[in-house]
N, C-alpha and C. Protein backbone atom coordinates (compact mmCIF):
# COMPACT_ATOMS: atom_id res chain seq x y z
N MET A 1 0.96 -1.45 -0.24
CA MET A 1 0.27 0.00 -0.11
C MET A 1 0.72 1.08 0.11
N THR A 2 0.55 2.61 -0.71
CA THR A 2 1.22 3.10 -0.81
C THR A 2 0.10 4.63 -0.68
N PHE A 3 0.88 5.84 0.06
CA PHE A 3 -0.13 6.90 0.09
C PHE A 3 0.73 8.04 -0.41
N ASP A 4 -0.58 8.88 -1.27
CA ASP A 4 -0.34 9.77 -1.67
C ASP A 4 -0.44 11.02 -1.16
N CYS A 5 0.60 11.89 -0.91
CA CYS A 5 0.86 12.81 0.25
C CYS A 5 1.56 13.83 0.26
N VAL A 6 1.37 15.43 0.13
CA VAL A 6 2.01 15.94 -0.36
C VAL A 6 1.75 17.32 1.30
N ILE A 7 2.80 17.48 1.46
CA ILE A 7 2.61 18.78 2.80
C ILE A 7 3.03 20.02 2.72
N ILE A 8 2.35 21.20 2.69
CA ILE A 8 2.63 22.63 2.47
C ILE A 8 3.44 23.14 4.03
N PHE A 9 4.44 23.82 3.69
CA PHE A 9 5.05 24.02 4.45
C PHE A 9 5.21 25.74 4.20
N LEU A 10 4.70 26.96 4.53
CA LEU A 10 4.61 28.12 4.24
C LEU A 10 4.56 28.38 2.94
N GLY A 11 3.97 27.42 1.70
CA GLY A 11 3.85 28.01 0.43
C GLY A 11 4.84 26.96 0.04
N ASP A 12 5.86 26.34 1.00
CA ASP A 12 6.62 25.16 -0.21
C ASP A 12 5.79 24.04 -0.24
N VAL A 13 6.22 23.22 -1.08
CA VAL A 13 5.43 22.10 -1.42
C VAL A 13 6.67 20.86 -0.69
N MET A 14 6.40 20.24 0.07
CA MET A 14 7.30 19.07 0.37
C MET A 14 6.42 17.68 0.61
N GLU A 15 7.13 16.83 -0.09
CA GLU A 15 7.00 15.10 -0.13
C GLU A 15 7.62 14.44 1.38
N PRO A 16 7.16 13.61 1.87
CA PRO A 16 7.39 12.99 2.71
C PRO A 16 8.96 12.36 2.67
N LYS A 17 9.06 12.04 1.51
CA LYS A 17 10.62 11.76 1.72
C LYS A 17 11.49 13.00 1.46
N ASP A 18 10.90 14.23 1.23
CA ASP A 18 11.91 15.21 1.35
C ASP A 18 12.06 15.77 3.12
N ILE A 19 10.82 14.81 3.57
CA ILE A 19 11.38 15.91 4.92
C ILE A 19 12.20 14.93 5.72
N LEU A 20 12.15 13.27 5.51
CA LEU A 20 13.27 12.86 6.04
C LEU A 20 14.85 13.12 5.15
N LYS A 21 15.01 13.62 4.05
CA LYS A 21 16.32 14.52 3.68
C LYS A 21 16.30 15.56 4.46
N LYS A 22 15.77 16.20 4.76
CA LYS A 22 15.87 17.45 5.35
C LYS A 22 16.04 17.67 7.18
N TYR A 23 15.37 16.74 7.62
CA TYR A 23 15.22 16.45 8.93
C TYR A 23 16.28 15.17 9.55
N TYR A 24 16.45 15.08 10.75
CA TYR A 24 17.21 13.77 11.29
C TYR A 24 16.74 13.39 12.62
N HIS A 25 16.56 14.54 13.60
CA HIS A 25 15.98 13.99 14.68
C HIS A 25 14.28 13.89 15.02
N PHE A 26 14.18 12.33 15.15
CA PHE A 26 13.05 12.02 15.25
C PHE A 26 12.89 11.56 16.82
N ALA A 27 11.42 11.62 17.37
CA ALA A 27 10.64 11.01 18.65
C ALA A 27 9.94 10.11 18.01
N VAL A 28 9.35 8.81 18.20
CA VAL A 28 9.03 7.70 18.00
C VAL A 28 8.16 7.58 19.18
N ILE A 29 6.70 8.07 19.20
CA ILE A 29 5.54 7.80 20.32
C ILE A 29 5.17 6.12 20.25
N GLY A 30 5.21 5.51 21.12
CA GLY A 30 4.50 4.32 21.44
C GLY A 30 5.91 2.89 20.79
N VAL A 31 6.95 3.34 21.32
CA VAL A 31 7.71 2.21 21.08
C VAL A 31 7.42 0.90 21.78
N SER A 32 7.68 -0.02 21.26
CA SER A 32 7.29 -1.36 21.61
C SER A 32 8.25 -2.69 22.00
N GLN A 33 8.76 -3.38 22.69
CA GLN A 33 9.46 -4.27 23.32
C GLN A 33 8.97 -5.62 22.28
N ASP A 34 7.95 -5.26 21.37
CA ASP A 34 7.06 -6.57 20.51
C ASP A 34 7.58 -6.28 19.46
N LYS A 35 8.76 -7.07 18.52
CA LYS A 35 9.32 -7.12 17.38
C LYS A 35 8.28 -7.20 16.03
N ASP A 36 7.14 -7.56 16.36
CA ASP A 36 5.82 -7.38 15.80
C ASP A 36 4.86 -6.15 15.31
N LYS A 37 5.22 -5.19 16.23
CA LYS A 37 4.35 -3.94 16.35
C LYS A 37 5.52 -2.72 15.51
N TYR A 38 4.37 -2.26 15.05
CA TYR A 38 4.95 -1.21 14.43
C TYR A 38 5.62 -0.19 15.07
N GLY A 39 5.62 0.13 16.79
CA GLY A 39 6.21 0.99 17.07
C GLY A 39 7.78 0.51 17.13
N TYR A 40 7.89 -0.94 17.52
CA TYR A 40 9.17 -1.46 17.49
C TYR A 40 9.72 -1.35 16.20
N LYS A 41 9.25 -1.45 15.00
CA LYS A 41 9.68 -1.36 13.59
C LYS A 41 10.36 -0.14 13.33
N ILE A 42 9.30 1.06 13.36
CA ILE A 42 9.46 1.99 13.21
C ILE A 42 11.10 3.13 13.48
N PHE A 43 11.27 2.36 14.88
CA PHE A 43 12.03 2.75 15.85
C PHE A 43 13.43 2.40 15.40
N LYS A 44 13.13 1.02 15.01
CA LYS A 44 14.33 0.38 14.79
C LYS A 44 15.15 0.65 13.20
N ARG A 45 13.90 0.86 12.24
CA ARG A 45 14.06 1.12 10.80
C ARG A 45 14.72 2.50 10.79
N LEU A 46 14.40 3.63 11.74
CA LEU A 46 14.85 4.78 11.60
C LEU A 46 16.29 4.53 12.10
N ARG A 47 16.65 4.02 13.21
CA ARG A 47 17.71 3.73 13.69
C ARG A 47 18.84 3.25 12.64
N ASP A 48 18.07 1.80 12.16
CA ASP A 48 19.04 1.35 10.94
C ASP A 48 19.49 2.52 10.15
N ARG A 49 18.58 3.45 9.97
CA ARG A 49 18.75 4.11 8.73
C ARG A 49 19.72 5.84 8.95
N ASN A 50 20.40 5.33 10.50
CA ASN A 50 21.16 6.53 10.63
C ASN A 50 20.68 7.59 11.30
N TYR A 51 19.23 7.90 11.48
CA TYR A 51 18.61 8.92 12.16
C TYR A 51 18.58 8.87 13.62
N ASP A 52 18.35 10.38 14.25
CA ASP A 52 18.67 10.07 15.30
C ASP A 52 17.51 10.05 15.95
N VAL A 53 17.44 9.18 17.15
CA VAL A 53 15.80 8.80 17.12
C VAL A 53 15.68 8.16 18.67
N TYR A 54 14.82 9.06 19.09
CA TYR A 54 14.32 8.98 20.53
C TYR A 54 13.22 8.15 20.76
N GLY A 55 13.16 7.14 21.96
CA GLY A 55 11.81 6.28 21.74
C GLY A 55 11.27 7.03 23.03
N ILE A 56 9.51 7.20 22.51
CA ILE A 56 8.90 7.08 23.77
C ILE A 56 8.13 6.15 24.04
N SER A 57 7.96 5.92 25.32
CA SER A 57 7.02 4.61 25.77
C SER A 57 6.56 4.88 27.36
N PRO A 58 5.30 5.04 27.98
CA PRO A 58 5.14 4.69 29.40
C PRO A 58 4.97 3.52 29.79
N ILE A 59 5.23 2.50 28.82
CA ILE A 59 5.48 0.99 29.43
C ILE A 59 6.58 0.74 29.93
N TYR A 60 7.43 0.54 28.63
CA TYR A 60 9.10 0.44 28.83
C TYR A 60 10.33 1.38 28.90
N ASP A 61 11.18 0.88 29.66
CA ASP A 61 12.32 1.73 30.13
C ASP A 61 13.22 1.82 28.91
N SER A 62 13.09 0.34 28.39
CA SER A 62 14.39 0.39 27.27
C SER A 62 13.93 -0.67 26.13
N VAL A 63 14.42 -0.33 25.09
CA VAL A 63 14.23 -1.49 23.92
C VAL A 63 15.17 -1.83 23.21
N ASP A 64 15.86 -3.13 23.02
CA ASP A 64 17.32 -3.82 22.82
C ASP A 64 18.40 -2.91 23.24
N GLY A 65 18.35 -2.39 24.20
CA GLY A 65 19.29 -2.13 25.38
C GLY A 65 19.41 -0.18 24.87
N ILE A 66 18.22 0.26 24.38
CA ILE A 66 18.75 1.71 24.41
C ILE A 66 17.35 2.28 25.05
N SER A 67 17.55 3.33 26.06
CA SER A 67 16.85 3.63 26.59
C SER A 67 15.87 4.31 26.24
N LEU A 68 14.56 4.21 26.69
CA LEU A 68 13.38 5.06 26.06
C LEU A 68 13.34 6.26 27.29
N TYR A 69 12.12 7.06 26.70
CA TYR A 69 11.36 8.42 27.66
C TYR A 69 10.04 7.78 27.79
N SER A 70 9.86 8.54 28.59
CA SER A 70 8.56 8.45 29.17
C SER A 70 7.59 9.63 28.58
N SER A 71 8.28 10.76 28.27
CA SER A 71 8.17 12.13 27.81
C SER A 71 8.56 12.62 26.79
N LEU A 72 8.33 13.46 25.77
CA LEU A 72 9.20 14.26 24.84
C LEU A 72 9.69 15.17 25.65
N GLU A 73 8.94 15.95 26.83
CA GLU A 73 9.92 16.81 27.70
C GLU A 73 11.38 16.20 28.48
N ASP A 74 11.16 15.08 28.52
CA ASP A 74 12.38 14.75 29.08
C ASP A 74 13.91 14.29 28.51
N ILE A 75 13.38 14.73 27.14
CA ILE A 75 14.68 14.39 26.05
C ILE A 75 15.57 15.78 26.19
N ASP A 76 16.44 15.57 26.24
CA ASP A 76 17.21 16.90 26.23
C ASP A 76 17.78 17.11 24.35
N GLY A 77 17.49 16.72 23.85
CA GLY A 77 18.40 16.81 22.18
C GLY A 77 16.83 17.29 21.34
N PRO A 78 17.50 17.79 20.58
CA PRO A 78 16.77 18.18 19.17
C PRO A 78 15.53 17.30 18.91
N ILE A 79 14.36 17.86 18.60
CA ILE A 79 13.58 17.03 17.74
C ILE A 79 12.76 17.67 16.72
N ASP A 80 12.74 17.17 15.54
CA ASP A 80 12.43 17.87 14.34
C ASP A 80 11.03 17.68 14.45
N VAL A 81 10.84 16.14 14.02
CA VAL A 81 9.52 15.31 13.60
C VAL A 81 9.00 14.51 15.06
N VAL A 82 8.08 14.46 15.17
CA VAL A 82 7.41 13.31 16.04
C VAL A 82 6.62 12.38 15.27
N ILE A 83 6.96 11.44 15.29
CA ILE A 83 5.93 10.24 14.76
C ILE A 83 5.06 9.47 15.77
N PHE A 84 3.97 9.33 15.50
CA PHE A 84 2.77 8.86 16.20
C PHE A 84 2.54 7.25 16.04
N VAL A 85 2.71 6.59 17.04
CA VAL A 85 2.28 5.11 16.89
C VAL A 85 1.55 4.66 17.56
N VAL A 86 0.17 5.60 18.24
CA VAL A 86 -0.27 5.35 19.52
C VAL A 86 -1.76 5.59 18.88
N ASN A 87 -2.77 5.20 19.59
CA ASN A 87 -4.03 5.23 19.39
C ASN A 87 -4.41 6.90 19.55
N LYS A 88 -5.14 7.20 18.60
CA LYS A 88 -5.35 8.83 18.56
C LYS A 88 -6.06 9.45 19.60
N LYS A 89 -6.41 8.69 20.70
CA LYS A 89 -7.16 9.46 21.85
C LYS A 89 -5.89 9.62 23.00
N HIS A 90 -4.69 9.27 22.70
CA HIS A 90 -3.52 9.34 23.50
C HIS A 90 -2.63 10.63 22.98
N ALA A 91 -2.97 10.66 21.78
CA ALA A 91 -2.27 11.91 20.63
C ALA A 91 -2.22 13.23 21.37
N TYR A 92 -3.41 13.58 22.12
CA TYR A 92 -3.57 14.99 22.44
C TYR A 92 -2.75 15.93 23.52
N SER A 93 -2.47 14.84 24.28
CA SER A 93 -1.43 15.33 25.21
C SER A 93 0.02 15.25 24.77
N TYR A 94 0.23 14.64 23.86
CA TYR A 94 1.70 14.36 22.97
C TYR A 94 1.58 15.86 22.38
N ILE A 95 0.62 16.23 21.67
CA ILE A 95 0.52 17.28 20.42
C ILE A 95 0.76 18.60 21.75
N ASP A 96 0.05 18.47 22.86
CA ASP A 96 0.55 20.02 23.61
C ASP A 96 2.09 19.68 24.13
N GLU A 97 2.18 18.58 24.43
CA GLU A 97 3.73 18.52 24.29
C GLU A 97 4.71 19.34 23.62
N MET A 98 4.47 18.99 22.37
CA MET A 98 4.80 19.60 20.89
C MET A 98 4.77 20.87 21.21
N THR A 99 3.42 21.47 21.22
CA THR A 99 3.68 22.89 21.33
C THR A 99 4.64 23.39 22.19
N SER A 100 4.77 23.12 23.40
CA SER A 100 5.09 23.58 24.40
C SER A 100 6.94 23.88 24.29
N LEU A 101 6.91 22.90 23.27
CA LEU A 101 8.34 22.61 23.05
C LEU A 101 9.10 23.21 21.73
N GLY A 102 7.70 23.33 21.14
CA GLY A 102 8.06 23.97 20.24
C GLY A 102 8.51 23.01 18.80
N ILE A 103 7.98 21.98 18.69
CA ILE A 103 8.22 21.08 17.43
C ILE A 103 6.86 21.19 16.48
N HIS A 104 6.99 21.33 15.20
CA HIS A 104 6.16 21.47 14.34
C HIS A 104 5.43 20.66 13.85
N TYR A 105 6.06 19.47 13.34
CA TYR A 105 6.06 18.25 13.11
C TYR A 105 5.79 17.16 13.31
N ALA A 106 4.71 16.63 12.92
CA ALA A 106 3.83 15.53 13.45
C ALA A 106 3.55 14.25 12.34
N TRP A 107 4.37 13.16 12.51
CA TRP A 107 4.41 12.33 11.26
C TRP A 107 3.28 11.44 11.81
N MET A 108 1.88 11.25 11.68
CA MET A 108 0.83 10.53 11.69
C MET A 108 0.82 9.10 10.77
N GLN A 109 1.12 7.91 11.70
CA GLN A 109 0.76 6.66 10.79
C GLN A 109 -0.46 6.82 10.54
N PRO A 110 -0.78 5.63 9.60
CA PRO A 110 -2.25 5.42 9.44
C PRO A 110 -2.84 4.88 10.74
N GLN A 111 -4.14 5.13 10.81
CA GLN A 111 -4.92 4.64 11.88
C GLN A 111 -4.87 5.39 13.27
N THR A 112 -3.88 6.51 12.91
CA THR A 112 -3.71 7.22 13.88
C THR A 112 -4.29 8.55 14.25
N TYR A 113 -5.12 8.80 13.66
CA TYR A 113 -5.74 10.13 13.60
C TYR A 113 -6.75 10.25 13.15
N ASP A 114 -7.85 11.17 13.45
CA ASP A 114 -8.80 11.35 12.40
C ASP A 114 -9.38 13.09 12.61
N ASP A 115 -10.21 13.44 11.44
CA ASP A 115 -10.51 14.44 11.01
C ASP A 115 -10.36 15.63 12.55
N GLU A 116 -11.22 15.13 13.65
CA GLU A 116 -10.98 16.04 14.72
C GLU A 116 -9.57 16.63 15.03
N LEU A 117 -8.84 15.49 15.32
CA LEU A 117 -7.54 15.56 15.83
C LEU A 117 -6.82 16.24 15.09
N LEU A 118 -7.13 16.24 13.58
CA LEU A 118 -5.89 16.98 12.34
C LEU A 118 -6.39 18.36 12.75
N ASP A 119 -7.83 18.54 12.69
CA ASP A 119 -8.12 20.38 12.99
C ASP A 119 -7.74 20.66 14.08
N TYR A 120 -7.60 19.90 15.21
CA TYR A 120 -6.78 20.19 16.83
C TYR A 120 -5.22 20.60 16.22
N MET A 121 -4.62 19.64 15.60
CA MET A 121 -3.50 19.96 15.51
C MET A 121 -3.13 21.26 14.62
N LYS A 122 -3.89 21.75 13.52
CA LYS A 122 -4.02 22.79 12.85
C LYS A 122 -4.00 23.93 13.83
N ASN A 123 -5.10 23.95 13.98
CA ASN A 123 -5.38 25.06 15.48
C ASN A 123 -4.53 25.64 16.32
N VAL A 124 -3.52 24.15 16.52
CA VAL A 124 -2.24 24.70 17.81
C VAL A 124 -0.80 24.72 16.91
N GLY A 125 -1.27 24.84 15.38
CA GLY A 125 0.20 25.06 14.95
C GLY A 125 1.10 23.76 14.39
N ILE A 126 0.56 22.71 14.61
CA ILE A 126 1.35 21.56 14.31
C ILE A 126 1.39 20.94 12.92
N THR A 127 1.75 20.59 12.09
CA THR A 127 1.66 20.39 10.56
C THR A 127 1.88 18.83 10.27
N PRO A 128 0.64 17.81 10.31
CA PRO A 128 0.67 16.61 10.24
C PRO A 128 1.25 15.94 8.95
N ILE A 129 1.97 15.19 9.33
CA ILE A 129 2.65 14.28 7.61
C ILE A 129 1.48 13.28 7.73
N LEU A 130 0.82 12.79 6.90
CA LEU A 130 -0.02 11.46 6.49
C LEU A 130 0.78 10.60 5.43
N ALA A 131 1.39 9.65 6.23
CA ALA A 131 2.08 8.87 5.42
C ALA A 131 2.87 7.81 6.43
N CYS A 132 3.07 6.67 5.58
CA CYS A 132 3.45 5.54 6.04
C CYS A 132 5.19 5.57 6.39
N ILE A 133 5.62 5.75 7.38
CA ILE A 133 7.36 5.76 7.25
C ILE A 133 7.82 4.62 7.36
N LEU A 134 7.27 3.81 7.38
CA LEU A 134 8.14 2.23 6.69
C LEU A 134 8.05 2.19 5.22
N VAL A 135 7.06 2.98 4.56
CA VAL A 135 6.85 2.49 3.23
C VAL A 135 8.04 3.66 2.68
N GLU A 136 7.86 4.95 3.05
CA GLU A 136 8.54 5.94 2.86
C GLU A 136 10.44 5.98 3.06
N THR A 137 10.60 4.67 4.03
CA THR A 137 12.05 4.34 4.20
C THR A 137 12.30 3.16 3.49
N SER A 138 11.55 2.52 3.13
CA SER A 138 12.20 1.05 2.49
C SER A 138 12.85 1.84 1.22
N LEU A 139 14.01 0.95 1.27
CA LEU A 139 15.10 1.44 -0.05
C LEU A 139 14.44 0.04 -1.37
């Protein structure tokens, strides 16, 4: 399955692959220790592609020996894009954290959003990227 997605940034048009070329600091919300879950696959894929990746999990302390964080606010390093791999009902508090931290780009995996969440994001200045990052990072 592929997604046709174009993101508009202040008049400039960018494709999801352009985001991956321009930005290198990602936070993945919903990292799992279960290797069959998308949270694990996305976290691992980005690390394997040499991105600077922070994992967020309210459940796990680490995955594959890598420390995870319980919130975006706990991360000391820069974050350009936050990737959502959680149910949309959990997204609002992370969107609020993004706003307070000045993070403007949210990569929304399929089935992690609805129109109400997208409207909320728009109203608080967050630009959604609606595409599957595993598809966009495939070789």
